[in-house]
Amino acid sequence: MRVTIKKIAQELGISHSTVSRVLNDKQSNLVSDATRERILEAATRMGYRPNRIAQALQGKSTQLIGVFLPDAEDYFFQSVLRHLRHTLEESDYELMEFACPPNKIAATWHRLLEWDLDGVFAFDYLFYVDGLWEALARHRRIIPPIVGLFSSETHLKDYVTLDFRSALEELLDHLAAQDRRRFAYMAYPTSLNAQESRYALFSEFTQKRGLEQVDIPLPYGLPSHMEAARQGLSAWMAQGHALPEAMFCQNDEIALGAYRALRESGISIPQQVALAGCDDLPYISYLDIPLTSLALPVPEVCRQGWHILQKRIVEPEGPPMQVVVEATLRLRASCL
């Protein structure tokens, strides 16, 4: 049963208004230090938690932060959620997750806005789906401060973005130095365009070096990125396409599926095909041929994002705040 201010007052034999003054920091200077300490000790011992909805109705901070993200089970998003939650808890804030299926982006955003949140983190590429920007423009409620995480092309003024250039060029330089000339990029069709920063950098590199580039699109509708990559690459090879000499996958789960497809086809890694991914998942280094990957500084992105959001909550009309953090290359046997 929820511990209320009334129950704490009954436990201590003092008035409800005195407990309320201390716990809501309202005219608390009227309460003696000794009484204040008794109330705070009892609230901690009894497990009191403030009523966020009641605080919102009184126009106070709810200390609730929303995160608007895809409804996906992959490790990357779970890692971001874990680090965000730990970061916020250090400041006594709570994280509320709003995961949206592909066909319910705008509906999920409207559900988020029904809550009185102090701020929102967003994987802002979702804003380009399902008419979400237009839905936001028509929304009549006050929109809380928003900070984009892992942003690319964005209309948001506050965001944390990744710089892949140095790490990706280091990887591609390494592969080109092995006299590999045919490079493949594997991703879902929606990411095979210049708006996706990794793809844009990859294409820029191959064009400047006069290398052959092949795009390998993944099929939709399969239960995981890994299975989509396994089936997609197997089908692509069965169509008689010339094998690439180096393959970069948009994330490590895609790279794991590609790894399985290549091994099932008897293709040696890295002798015939060098293989790399992105995210540096903790288990890819335990394969019999450890996978090369671009490591993303998820804890740093979460810390920087929270720093920006805290400042934006205090200064709603302040200047834009943008932070860039760099990915790093983890070169392993799959590319050696």
C-alpha atoms as a PDB file:
ATOM      1  CA  MET A   1       0.000   0.000   0.000  1.00  0.00           C
ATOM      2  CA  ARG A   2       1.275   3.456  -0.919  1.00  0.00           C
ATOM      3  CA  VAL A   3       2.803   5.483   1.920  1.00  0.00           C
ATOM      4  CA  THR A   4       1.102   8.878   2.052  1.00  0.00           C
ATOM      5  CA  ILE A   5       1.796  12.133   3.855  1.00  0.00           C
ATOM      6  CA  LYS A   6      -1.222  11.384   6.045  1.00  0.00           C
ATOM      7  CA  LYS A   7       0.252   8.045   7.165  1.00  0.00           C
ATOM      8  CA  ILE A   8       3.578   9.665   8.030  1.00  0.00           C
ATOM      9  CA  ALA A   9       1.725  12.304  10.069  1.00  0.00           C
ATOM     10  CA  GLN A  10      -0.192   9.582  11.949  1.00  0.00           C
ATOM     11  CA  GLU A  11       3.038   7.644  12.588  1.00  0.00           C
ATOM     12  CA  LEU A  12       4.693  10.716  14.140  1.00  0.00           C
ATOM     13  CA  GLY A  13       1.603  12.142  15.841  1.00  0.00           C
ATOM     14  CA  ILE A  14       1.943  15.521  14.117  1.00  0.00           C
ATOM     15  CA  SER A  15      -0.231  17.444  11.707  1.00  0.00           C
ATOM     16  CA  HIS A  16      -0.645  16.542   8.046  1.00  0.00           C
ATOM     17  CA  SER A  17       0.203  20.142   7.068  1.00  0.00           C
ATOM     18  CA  THR A  18       3.547  20.023   8.918  1.00  0.00           C
ATOM     19  CA  VAL A  19       4.599  16.852   7.080  1.00  0.00           C
ATOM     20  CA  SER A  20       3.434  18.346   3.794  1.00  0.00           C
ATOM     21  CA  ARG A  21       5.468  21.518   4.365  1.00  0.00           C
ATOM     22  CA  VAL A  22       8.662  19.509   4.821  1.00  0.00           C
ATOM     23  CA  LEU A  23       8.187  16.943   2.042  1.00  0.00           C
ATOM     24  CA  ASN A  24       6.931  19.493  -0.469  1.00  0.00           C
ATOM     25  CA  ASP A  25       9.419  22.154   0.661  1.00  0.00           C
ATOM     26  CA  LYS A  26       6.519  24.551   1.175  1.00  0.00           C
ATOM     27  CA  GLN A  27       7.008  27.160   3.930  1.00  0.00           C
ATOM     28  CA  SER A  28       9.321  24.621   5.559  1.00  0.00           C
ATOM     29  CA  ASN A  29      11.090  27.400   7.425  1.00  0.00           C
ATOM     30  CA  LEU A  30       8.107  27.290   9.796  1.00  0.00           C
ATOM     31  CA  VAL A  31       9.157  23.809  10.957  1.00  0.00           C
ATOM     32  CA  SER A  32      11.937  23.268  13.508  1.00  0.00           C
ATOM     33  CA  ASP A  33      15.099  21.424  12.470  1.00  0.00           C
ATOM     34  CA  ALA A  34      14.365  18.602  14.913  1.00  0.00           C
ATOM     35  CA  THR A  35      10.864  18.054  13.529  1.00  0.00           C
ATOM     36  CA  ARG A  36      12.147  18.238   9.983  1.00  0.00           C
ATOM     37  CA  GLU A  37      14.707  15.503  10.712  1.00  0.00           C
ATOM     38  CA  ARG A  38      12.014  13.289  12.297  1.00  0.00           C
ATOM     39  CA  ILE A  39       9.802  13.675   9.221  1.00  0.00           C
ATOM     40  CA  LEU A  40      12.578  12.972   6.728  1.00  0.00           C
ATOM     41  CA  GLU A  41      13.737   9.934   8.717  1.00  0.00           C
ATOM     42  CA  ALA A  42      10.195   8.536   8.862  1.00  0.00           C
ATOM     43  CA  ALA A  43       9.600   9.171   5.143  1.00  0.00           C
ATOM     44  CA  THR A  44      12.775   7.244   4.274  1.00  0.00           C
ATOM     45  CA  ARG A  45      12.048   4.415   6.700  1.00  0.00           C
ATOM     46  CA  MET A  46       8.439   4.005   5.528  1.00  0.00           C
ATOM     47  CA  GLY A  47       9.344   4.159   1.825  1.00  0.00           C
ATOM     48  CA  TYR A  48       7.523   7.375   0.972  1.00  0.00           C
ATOM     49  CA  ARG A  49       7.558   8.418  -2.681  1.00  0.00           C
ATOM     50  CA  PRO A  50       6.040  11.683  -3.912  1.00  0.00           C
ATOM     51  CA  ASN A  51       2.886  11.550  -6.022  1.00  0.00           C
ATOM     52  CA  ARG A  52       4.127  12.718  -9.419  1.00  0.00           C
ATOM     53  CA  ILE A  53       0.632  13.342 -10.786  1.00  0.00           C
ATOM     54  CA  ALA A  54      -0.328  15.484  -7.821  1.00  0.00           C
ATOM     55  CA  GLN A  55       2.874  17.471  -8.202  1.00  0.00           C
ATOM     56  CA  ALA A  56       2.122  18.065 -11.876  1.00  0.00           C
ATOM     57  CA  LEU A  57      -1.374  19.309 -11.050  1.00  0.00           C
ATOM     58  CA  GLN A  58       0.240  21.816  -8.694  1.00  0.00           C
ATOM     59  CA  GLY A  59       2.568  23.009 -11.473  1.00  0.00           C
ATOM     60  CA  LYS A  60       5.654  21.472  -9.878  1.00  0.00           C
ATOM     61  CA  SER A  61       8.465  19.416 -11.361  1.00  0.00           C
ATOM     62  CA  THR A  62       7.478  15.766 -11.609  1.00  0.00           C
ATOM     63  CA  GLN A  63      11.118  14.612 -11.929  1.00  0.00           C
ATOM     64  CA  LEU A  64       9.937  12.315 -14.712  1.00  0.00           C
ATOM     65  CA  ILE A  65      11.851  12.166 -17.999  1.00  0.00           C
ATOM     66  CA  GLY A  66      10.463  10.360 -21.027  1.00  0.00           C
ATOM     67  CA  VAL A  67      12.466   8.546 -23.676  1.00  0.00           C
ATOM     68  CA  PHE A  68      10.904   8.130 -27.127  1.00  0.00           C
ATOM     69  CA  LEU A  69      12.471   5.214 -28.965  1.00  0.00           C
ATOM     70  CA  PRO A  70      11.740   2.383 -31.414  1.00  0.00           C
ATOM     71  CA  ASP A  71      10.013  -0.756 -30.158  1.00  0.00           C
ATOM     72  CA  ALA A  72      13.073  -2.940 -30.677  1.00  0.00           C
ATOM     73  CA  GLU A  73      14.724  -5.699 -28.670  1.00  0.00           C
ATOM     74  CA  ASP A  74      18.255  -5.217 -29.946  1.00  0.00           C
ATOM     75  CA  TYR A  75      21.099  -4.782 -27.484  1.00  0.00           C
ATOM     76  CA  PHE A  76      21.906  -1.205 -28.492  1.00  0.00           C
ATOM     77  CA  PHE A  77      18.584   0.290 -27.392  1.00  0.00           C
ATOM     78  CA  GLN A  78      18.577  -1.755 -24.189  1.00  0.00           C
ATOM     79  CA  SER A  79      22.070  -0.471 -23.428  1.00  0.00           C
ATOM     80  CA  VAL A  80      20.969   3.133 -23.961  1.00  0.00           C
ATOM     81  CA  LEU A  81      17.955   2.642 -21.688  1.00  0.00           C
ATOM     82  CA  ARG A  82      20.113   1.140 -18.946  1.00  0.00           C
ATOM     83  CA  HIS A  83      22.666   3.948 -19.033  1.00  0.00           C
ATOM     84  CA  LEU A  84      19.987   6.660 -19.195  1.00  0.00           C
ATOM     85  CA  ARG A  85      18.194   5.175 -16.216  1.00  0.00           C
ATOM     86  CA  HIS A  86      21.358   4.996 -14.115  1.00  0.00           C
ATOM     87  CA  THR A  87      22.357   8.537 -15.096  1.00  0.00           C
ATOM     88  CA  LEU A  88      18.974   9.991 -14.152  1.00  0.00           C
ATOM     89  CA  GLU A  89      18.744   8.084 -10.884  1.00  0.00           C
ATOM     90  CA  GLU A  90      21.909   9.831  -9.712  1.00  0.00           C
ATOM     91  CA  SER A  91      19.902  13.083  -9.894  1.00  0.00           C
ATOM     92  CA  ASP A  92      16.744  11.565  -8.315  1.00  0.00           C
ATOM     93  CA  TYR A  93      14.863  11.558 -11.614  1.00  0.00           C
ATOM     94  CA  GLU A  94      12.970   8.637 -13.103  1.00  0.00           C
ATOM     95  CA  LEU A  95      12.913   7.473 -16.717  1.00  0.00           C
ATOM     96  CA  MET A  96       9.664   6.571 -18.477  1.00  0.00           C
ATOM     97  CA  GLU A  97      10.017   4.486 -21.637  1.00  0.00           C
ATOM     98  CA  PHE A  98       7.734   5.125 -24.622  1.00  0.00           C
ATOM     99  CA  ALA A  99       8.563   2.462 -27.190  1.00  0.00           C
ATOM    100  CA  CYS A 100       6.766   2.859 -30.484  1.00  0.00           C
ATOM    101  CA  PRO A 101       6.023   0.208 -33.129  1.00  0.00           C
ATOM    102  CA  PRO A 102       6.736   1.296 -36.732  1.00  0.00           C
ATOM    103  CA  ASN A 103       3.089   2.002 -37.521  1.00  0.00           C
ATOM    104  CA  LYS A 104       2.294   3.851 -34.278  1.00  0.00           C
ATOM    105  CA  ILE A 105       4.950   6.577 -34.104  1.00  0.00           C
ATOM    106  CA  ALA A 106       2.603   9.571 -33.887  1.00  0.00           C
ATOM    107  CA  ALA A 107       0.162   7.726 -31.605  1.00  0.00           C
ATOM    108  CA  THR A 108       2.977   6.878 -29.183  1.00  0.00           C
ATOM    109  CA  TRP A 109       4.150  10.479 -29.203  1.00  0.00           C
ATOM    110  CA  HIS A 110       0.654  11.699 -28.315  1.00  0.00           C
ATOM    111  CA  ARG A 111       0.531   9.156 -25.483  1.00  0.00           C
ATOM    112  CA  LEU A 112       3.863  10.515 -24.208  1.00  0.00           C
ATOM    113  CA  LEU A 113       2.538  14.074 -24.247  1.00  0.00           C
ATOM    114  CA  GLU A 114      -0.403  13.076 -22.064  1.00  0.00           C
ATOM    115  CA  TRP A 115       2.083  12.791 -19.219  1.00  0.00           C
ATOM    116  CA  ASP A 116       3.470  15.833 -17.429  1.00  0.00           C
ATOM    117  CA  LEU A 117       7.136  15.193 -18.099  1.00  0.00           C
ATOM    118  CA  ASP A 118       9.974  17.548 -17.236  1.00  0.00           C
ATOM    119  CA  GLY A 119      11.770  16.606 -20.448  1.00  0.00           C
ATOM    120  CA  VAL A 120      12.166  14.027 -23.202  1.00  0.00           C
ATOM    121  CA  PHE A 121      15.016  12.146 -24.845  1.00  0.00           C
ATOM    122  CA  ALA A 122      14.331  11.063 -28.414  1.00  0.00           C
ATOM    123  CA  PHE A 123      15.909   8.975 -31.124  1.00  0.00           C
ATOM    124  CA  ASP A 124      14.906  11.766 -33.438  1.00  0.00           C
ATOM    125  CA  TYR A 125      15.046   9.933 -36.751  1.00  0.00           C
ATOM    126  CA  LEU A 126      11.575   8.802 -35.659  1.00  0.00           C
ATOM    127  CA  PHE A 127      10.355  12.353 -36.248  1.00  0.00           C
ATOM    128  CA  TYR A 128      10.612  11.761 -39.997  1.00  0.00           C
ATOM    129  CA  VAL A 129       8.200   8.834 -39.869  1.00  0.00           C
ATOM    130  CA  ASP A 130       4.413   8.733 -39.817  1.00  0.00           C
ATOM    131  CA  GLY A 131       3.966  12.519 -40.177  1.00  0.00           C
ATOM    132  CA  LEU A 132       5.273  13.123 -36.676  1.00  0.00           C
ATOM    133  CA  TRP A 133       6.608  16.633 -37.223  1.00  0.00           C
ATOM    134  CA  GLU A 134       3.186  17.667 -38.526  1.00  0.00           C
ATOM    135  CA  ALA A 135       1.497  15.987 -35.557  1.00  0.00           C
ATOM    136  CA  LEU A 136       3.730  17.939 -33.180  1.00  0.00           C
ATOM    137  CA  ALA A 137       2.923  21.213 -34.922  1.00  0.00           C
ATOM    138  CA  ARG A 138      -0.804  20.578 -34.452  1.00  0.00           C
ATOM    139  CA  HIS A 139      -0.541  19.472 -30.849  1.00  0.00           C
ATOM    140  CA  ARG A 140      -2.113  21.946 -28.445  1.00  0.00           C
ATOM    141  CA  ARG A 141      -0.468  20.850 -25.236  1.00  0.00           C
ATOM    142  CA  ILE A 142       2.814  22.316 -24.078  1.00  0.00           C
ATOM    143  CA  ILE A 143       5.671  20.231 -25.469  1.00  0.00           C
ATOM    144  CA  PRO A 144       8.431  19.561 -22.909  1.00  0.00           C
ATOM    145  CA  PRO A 145      12.115  20.195 -23.707  1.00  0.00           C
ATOM    146  CA  ILE A 146      13.469  17.558 -26.105  1.00  0.00           C
ATOM    147  CA  VAL A 147      17.063  16.391 -26.541  1.00  0.00           C
ATOM    148  CA  GLY A 148      17.960  14.169 -29.483  1.00  0.00           C
ATOM    149  CA  LEU A 149      20.251  11.203 -28.871  1.00  0.00           C
ATOM    150  CA  PHE A 150      22.538   9.769 -31.569  1.00  0.00           C
ATOM    151  CA  SER A 151      21.136  12.410 -33.897  1.00  0.00           C
ATOM    152  CA  SER A 152      21.808  12.678 -37.596  1.00  0.00           C
ATOM    153  CA  GLU A 153      19.683  15.017 -39.714  1.00  0.00           C
ATOM    154  CA  THR A 154      17.439  16.780 -37.201  1.00  0.00           C
ATOM    155  CA  HIS A 155      15.221  19.817 -36.662  1.00  0.00           C
ATOM    156  CA  LEU A 156      15.930  19.743 -32.933  1.00  0.00           C
ATOM    157  CA  LYS A 157      18.085  22.509 -31.514  1.00  0.00           C
ATOM    158  CA  ASP A 158      19.486  20.346 -28.701  1.00  0.00           C
ATOM    159  CA  TYR A 159      21.145  17.014 -29.414  1.00  0.00           C
ATOM    160  CA  VAL A 160      24.111  14.692 -28.971  1.00  0.00           C
ATOM    161  CA  THR A 161      25.479  13.224 -32.174  1.00  0.00           C
ATOM    162  CA  LEU A 162      28.185  10.756 -33.141  1.00  0.00           C
ATOM    163  CA  ASP A 163      31.128  11.392 -35.421  1.00  0.00           C
ATOM    164  CA  PHE A 164      31.920   8.167 -37.306  1.00  0.00           C
ATOM    165  CA  ARG A 165      34.401   9.652 -39.768  1.00  0.00           C
ATOM    166  CA  SER A 166      37.703   8.944 -38.031  1.00  0.00           C
ATOM    167  CA  ALA A 167      36.836   5.380 -36.959  1.00  0.00           C
ATOM    168  CA  LEU A 168      35.203   4.393 -40.255  1.00  0.00           C
ATOM    169  CA  GLU A 169      37.998   5.844 -42.374  1.00  0.00           C
ATOM    170  CA  GLU A 170      40.560   4.039 -40.219  1.00  0.00           C
ATOM    171  CA  LEU A 171      38.736   0.759 -40.868  1.00  0.00           C
ATOM    172  CA  LEU A 172      38.318   1.331 -44.614  1.00  0.00           C
ATOM    173  CA  ASP A 173      41.930   2.487 -44.992  1.00  0.00           C
ATOM    174  CA  HIS A 174      43.021  -0.715 -43.289  1.00  0.00           C
ATOM    175  CA  LEU A 175      40.918  -2.841 -45.655  1.00  0.00           C
ATOM    176  CA  ALA A 176      41.993  -0.940 -48.770  1.00  0.00           C
ATOM    177  CA  ALA A 177      45.633  -1.418 -47.753  1.00  0.00           C
ATOM    178  CA  GLN A 178      44.987  -5.177 -48.012  1.00  0.00           C
ATOM    179  CA  ASP A 179      44.251  -4.566 -51.709  1.00  0.00           C
ATOM    180  CA  ARG A 180      40.527  -5.196 -51.293  1.00  0.00           C
ATOM    181  CA  ARG A 181      38.641  -3.417 -54.086  1.00  0.00           C
ATOM    182  CA  ARG A 182      35.006  -4.528 -53.827  1.00  0.00           C
ATOM    183  CA  PHE A 183      33.243  -3.148 -50.739  1.00  0.00           C
ATOM    184  CA  ALA A 184      29.694  -3.931 -49.603  1.00  0.00           C
ATOM    185  CA  TYR A 185      27.392  -2.052 -47.216  1.00  0.00           C
ATOM    186  CA  MET A 186      24.579  -4.070 -45.616  1.00  0.00           C
ATOM    187  CA  ALA A 187      21.521  -2.413 -44.044  1.00  0.00           C
ATOM    188  CA  TYR A 188      17.766  -2.104 -44.374  1.00  0.00           C
ATOM    189  CA  PRO A 189      16.715  -0.205 -47.532  1.00  0.00           C
ATOM    190  CA  THR A 190      15.691   2.895 -45.563  1.00  0.00           C
ATOM    191  CA  SER A 191      19.306   3.303 -44.396  1.00  0.00           C
ATOM    192  CA  LEU A 192      20.913   2.949 -47.805  1.00  0.00           C
ATOM    193  CA  ASN A 193      20.895   6.675 -48.496  1.00  0.00           C
ATOM    194  CA  ALA A 194      23.001   9.771 -47.896  1.00  0.00           C
ATOM    195  CA  GLN A 195      20.914  10.845 -44.874  1.00  0.00           C
ATOM    196  CA  GLU A 196      22.440   7.970 -42.900  1.00  0.00           C
ATOM    197  CA  SER A 197      25.833   9.273 -41.814  1.00  0.00           C
ATOM    198  CA  ARG A 198      27.688   5.937 -41.874  1.00  0.00           C
ATOM    199  CA  TYR A 199      26.422   5.165 -45.361  1.00  0.00           C
ATOM    200  CA  ALA A 200      27.321   8.662 -46.578  1.00  0.00           C
ATOM    201  CA  LEU A 201      30.888   8.353 -45.230  1.00  0.00           C
ATOM    202  CA  PHE A 202      31.256   4.842 -46.630  1.00  0.00           C
ATOM    203  CA  SER A 203      30.129   6.001 -50.092  1.00  0.00           C
ATOM    204  CA  GLU A 204      32.366   9.069 -49.967  1.00  0.00           C
ATOM    205  CA  PHE A 205      35.371   6.856 -49.183  1.00  0.00           C
ATOM    206  CA  THR A 206      34.741   4.314 -51.959  1.00  0.00           C
ATOM    207  CA  GLN A 207      34.166   7.046 -54.533  1.00  0.00           C
ATOM    208  CA  LYS A 208      37.351   8.917 -53.632  1.00  0.00           C
ATOM    209  CA  ARG A 209      39.425   5.722 -53.749  1.00  0.00           C
ATOM    210  CA  GLY A 210      37.848   4.461 -56.983  1.00  0.00           C
ATOM    211  CA  LEU A 211      36.610   1.324 -55.217  1.00  0.00           C
ATOM    212  CA  GLU A 212      33.565  -0.682 -56.239  1.00  0.00           C
ATOM    213  CA  GLN A 213      30.629  -0.312 -53.846  1.00  0.00           C
ATOM    214  CA  VAL A 214      27.760  -2.776 -53.537  1.00  0.00           C
ATOM    215  CA  ASP A 215      24.632  -2.191 -51.444  1.00  0.00           C
ATOM    216  CA  ILE A 216      23.033  -5.289 -49.908  1.00  0.00           C
ATOM    217  CA  PRO A 217      19.507  -4.514 -48.647  1.00  0.00           C
ATOM    218  CA  LEU A 218      17.960  -6.588 -45.867  1.00  0.00           C
ATOM    219  CA  PRO A 219      14.431  -8.007 -46.116  1.00  0.00           C
ATOM    220  CA  TYR A 220      11.767  -6.728 -43.726  1.00  0.00           C
ATOM    221  CA  GLY A 221       9.414  -8.824 -41.652  1.00  0.00           C
ATOM    222  CA  LEU A 222      11.838 -11.290 -40.068  1.00  0.00           C
ATOM    223  CA  PRO A 223      12.044 -11.739 -36.290  1.00  0.00           C
ATOM    224  CA  SER A 224      15.502 -10.200 -35.802  1.00  0.00           C
ATOM    225  CA  HIS A 225      18.248  -8.211 -37.518  1.00  0.00           C
ATOM    226  CA  MET A 226      20.405 -11.338 -37.356  1.00  0.00           C
ATOM    227  CA  GLU A 227      17.927 -13.523 -39.192  1.00  0.00           C
ATOM    228  CA  ALA A 228      17.210 -10.787 -41.741  1.00  0.00           C
ATOM    229  CA  ALA A 229      20.937 -10.550 -42.463  1.00  0.00           C
ATOM    230  CA  ARG A 230      21.423 -14.318 -42.611  1.00  0.00           C
ATOM    231  CA  GLN A 231      18.538 -14.873 -45.013  1.00  0.00           C
ATOM    232  CA  GLY A 232      19.110 -11.659 -46.949  1.00  0.00           C
ATOM    233  CA  LEU A 233      22.800 -12.308 -47.606  1.00  0.00           C
ATOM    234  CA  SER A 234      22.202 -15.983 -48.411  1.00  0.00           C
ATOM    235  CA  ALA A 235      19.535 -15.047 -50.969  1.00  0.00           C
ATOM    236  CA  TRP A 236      21.729 -12.313 -52.428  1.00  0.00           C
ATOM    237  CA  MET A 237      24.651 -14.701 -52.912  1.00  0.00           C
ATOM    238  CA  ALA A 238      22.317 -17.342 -54.406  1.00  0.00           C
ATOM    239  CA  GLN A 239      21.370 -14.809 -57.098  1.00  0.00           C
ATOM    240  CA  GLY A 240      24.931 -15.032 -58.422  1.00  0.00           C
ATOM    241  CA  HIS A 241      26.303 -11.659 -57.290  1.00  0.00           C
ATOM    242  CA  ALA A 242      30.072 -11.378 -57.168  1.00  0.00           C
ATOM    243  CA  LEU A 243      31.296 -11.752 -53.611  1.00  0.00           C
ATOM    244  CA  PRO A 244      32.506  -8.534 -51.929  1.00  0.00           C
ATOM    245  CA  GLU A 245      36.017  -8.541 -50.520  1.00  0.00           C
ATOM    246  CA  ALA A 246      35.009  -6.411 -47.519  1.00  0.00           C
ATOM    247  CA  MET A 247      31.611  -5.924 -45.923  1.00  0.00           C
ATOM    248  CA  PHE A 248      30.472  -3.266 -43.448  1.00  0.00           C
ATOM    249  CA  CYS A 249      27.179  -3.863 -41.632  1.00  0.00           C
ATOM    250  CA  GLN A 250      25.142  -1.044 -40.112  1.00  0.00           C
ATOM    251  CA  ASN A 251      25.113  -2.743 -36.714  1.00  0.00           C
ATOM    252  CA  ASP A 252      26.630  -5.768 -35.026  1.00  0.00           C
ATOM    253  CA  GLU A 253      23.434  -7.822 -35.058  1.00  0.00           C
ATOM    254  CA  ILE A 254      23.385  -7.517 -38.845  1.00  0.00           C
ATOM    255  CA  ALA A 255      27.083  -8.449 -38.867  1.00  0.00           C
ATOM    256  CA  LEU A 256      26.322 -11.571 -36.809  1.00  0.00           C
ATOM    257  CA  GLY A 257      23.697 -12.660 -39.325  1.00  0.00           C
ATOM    258  CA  ALA A 258      26.134 -12.011 -42.181  1.00  0.00           C
ATOM    259  CA  TYR A 259      28.805 -13.993 -40.303  1.00  0.00           C
ATOM    260  CA  ARG A 260      26.441 -16.970 -40.074  1.00  0.00           C
ATOM    261  CA  ALA A 261      25.493 -16.769 -43.771  1.00  0.00           C
ATOM    262  CA  LEU A 262      29.121 -16.592 -44.884  1.00  0.00           C
ATOM    263  CA  ARG A 263      30.178 -19.520 -42.687  1.00  0.00           C
ATOM    264  CA  GLU A 264      27.212 -21.628 -43.847  1.00  0.00           C
ATOM    265  CA  SER A 265      28.286 -20.999 -47.450  1.00  0.00           C
ATOM    266  CA  GLY A 266      31.848 -22.105 -46.733  1.00  0.00           C
ATOM    267  CA  ILE A 267      33.261 -18.606 -47.252  1.00  0.00           C
ATOM    268  CA  SER A 268      36.324 -17.869 -45.121  1.00  0.00           C
ATOM    269  CA  ILE A 269      36.514 -14.751 -42.938  1.00  0.00           C
ATOM    270  CA  PRO A 270      38.606 -12.635 -43.410  1.00  0.00           C
ATOM    271  CA  GLN A 271      40.526 -14.385 -46.206  1.00  0.00           C
ATOM    272  CA  GLN A 272      37.687 -14.138 -48.732  1.00  0.00           C
ATOM    273  CA  VAL A 273      35.478 -11.528 -47.057  1.00  0.00           C
ATOM    274  CA  ALA A 274      36.517  -9.135 -44.296  1.00  0.00           C
ATOM    275  CA  LEU A 275      33.536  -8.374 -42.051  1.00  0.00           C
ATOM    276  CA  ALA A 276      32.799  -5.470 -39.672  1.00  0.00           C
ATOM    277  CA  GLY A 277      29.830  -4.033 -37.819  1.00  0.00           C
ATOM    278  CA  CYS A 278      28.920  -1.184 -35.500  1.00  0.00           C
ATOM    279  CA  ASP A 279      27.992  -0.894 -31.783  1.00  0.00           C
ATOM    280  CA  ASP A 280      30.714  -3.220 -30.387  1.00  0.00           C
ATOM    281  CA  LEU A 281      28.306  -5.586 -28.646  1.00  0.00           C
ATOM    282  CA  PRO A 282      30.030  -7.351 -25.731  1.00  0.00           C
ATOM    283  CA  TYR A 283      29.665 -10.882 -27.120  1.00  0.00           C
ATOM    284  CA  ILE A 284      31.055 -10.392 -30.662  1.00  0.00           C
ATOM    285  CA  SER A 285      34.639 -10.725 -29.431  1.00  0.00           C
ATOM    286  CA  TYR A 286      33.843 -14.277 -28.193  1.00  0.00           C
ATOM    287  CA  LEU A 287      33.227 -15.729 -31.671  1.00  0.00           C
ATOM    288  CA  ASP A 288      35.826 -18.105 -33.044  1.00  0.00           C
ATOM    289  CA  ILE A 289      36.653 -15.275 -35.452  1.00  0.00           C
ATOM    290  CA  PRO A 290      36.080 -12.135 -33.307  1.00  0.00           C
ATOM    291  CA  LEU A 291      34.223  -9.383 -35.138  1.00  0.00           C
ATOM    292  CA  THR A 292      35.618  -5.950 -35.874  1.00  0.00           C
ATOM    293  CA  SER A 293      33.265  -3.135 -34.865  1.00  0.00           C
ATOM    294  CA  LEU A 294      32.896   0.601 -34.346  1.00  0.00           C
ATOM    295  CA  ALA A 295      32.405   1.196 -30.629  1.00  0.00           C
ATOM    296  CA  LEU A 296      29.825   3.799 -29.622  1.00  0.00           C
ATOM    297  CA  PRO A 297      30.363   5.773 -26.390  1.00  0.00           C
ATOM    298  CA  VAL A 298      26.839   5.130 -25.060  1.00  0.00           C
ATOM    299  CA  PRO A 299      27.544   6.192 -21.427  1.00  0.00           C
ATOM    300  CA  GLU A 300      29.071   9.482 -22.617  1.00  0.00           C
ATOM    301  CA  VAL A 301      26.152  10.202 -24.950  1.00  0.00           C
ATOM    302  CA  CYS A 302      23.715   9.607 -22.084  1.00  0.00           C
ATOM    303  CA  ARG A 303      25.686  11.844 -19.701  1.00  0.00           C
ATOM    304  CA  GLN A 304      25.976  14.646 -22.235  1.00  0.00           C
ATOM    305  CA  GLY A 305      22.310  14.347 -23.172  1.00  0.00           C
ATOM    306  CA  TRP A 306      21.233  14.607 -19.532  1.00  0.00           C
ATOM    307  CA  HIS A 307      23.519  17.604 -18.992  1.00  0.00           C
ATOM    308  CA  ILE A 308      21.900  19.383 -21.960  1.00  0.00           C
ATOM    309  CA  LEU A 309      18.365  18.496 -20.879  1.00  0.00           C
ATOM    310  CA  GLN A 310      18.934  19.729 -17.323  1.00  0.00           C
ATOM    311  CA  LYS A 311      20.151  23.080 -18.665  1.00  0.00           C
ATOM    312  CA  ARG A 312      17.230  23.307 -21.088  1.00  0.00           C
ATOM    313  CA  ILE A 313      14.719  22.657 -18.293  1.00  0.00           C
ATOM    314  CA  VAL A 314      16.191  25.600 -16.375  1.00  0.00           C
ATOM    315  CA  GLU A 315      16.626  27.850 -19.441  1.00  0.00           C
ATOM    316  CA  PRO A 316      13.808  27.051 -21.913  1.00  0.00           C
ATOM    317  CA  GLU A 317      14.768  29.906 -24.256  1.00  0.00           C
ATOM    318  CA  GLY A 318      18.538  29.524 -24.105  1.00  0.00           C
ATOM    319  CA  PRO A 319      20.777  29.088 -27.174  1.00  0.00           C
ATOM    320  CA  PRO A 320      20.994  25.700 -28.951  1.00  0.00           C
ATOM    321  CA  MET A 321      23.178  23.066 -27.335  1.00  0.00           C
ATOM    322  CA  GLN A 322      24.885  20.409 -29.444  1.00  0.00           C
ATOM    323  CA  VAL A 323      27.597  17.930 -28.504  1.00  0.00           C
ATOM    324  CA  VAL A 324      29.602  15.646 -30.803  1.00  0.00           C
ATOM    325  CA  VAL A 325      31.292  12.492 -29.515  1.00  0.00           C
ATOM    326  CA  GLU A 326      33.474  10.147 -31.559  1.00  0.00           C
ATOM    327  CA  ALA A 327      33.118   6.448 -32.307  1.00  0.00           C
ATOM    328  CA  THR A 328      36.279   4.337 -32.032  1.00  0.00           C
ATOM    329  CA  LEU A 329      37.497   1.339 -34.033  1.00  0.00           C
ATOM    330  CA  ARG A 330      37.856  -2.087 -32.400  1.00  0.00           C
ATOM    331  CA  LEU A 331      39.919  -3.971 -34.959  1.00  0.00           C
ATOM    332  CA  ARG A 332      39.687  -7.773 -34.563  1.00  0.00           C
ATOM    333  CA  ALA A 333      40.383 -10.963 -36.474  1.00  0.00           C
ATOM    334  CA  SER A 334      37.454 -10.616 -38.907  1.00  0.00           C
ATOM    335  CA  CYS A 335      39.362  -7.819 -40.667  1.00  0.00           C
ATOM    336  CA  LEU A 336      42.986  -8.834 -40.109  1.00  0.00           C
END
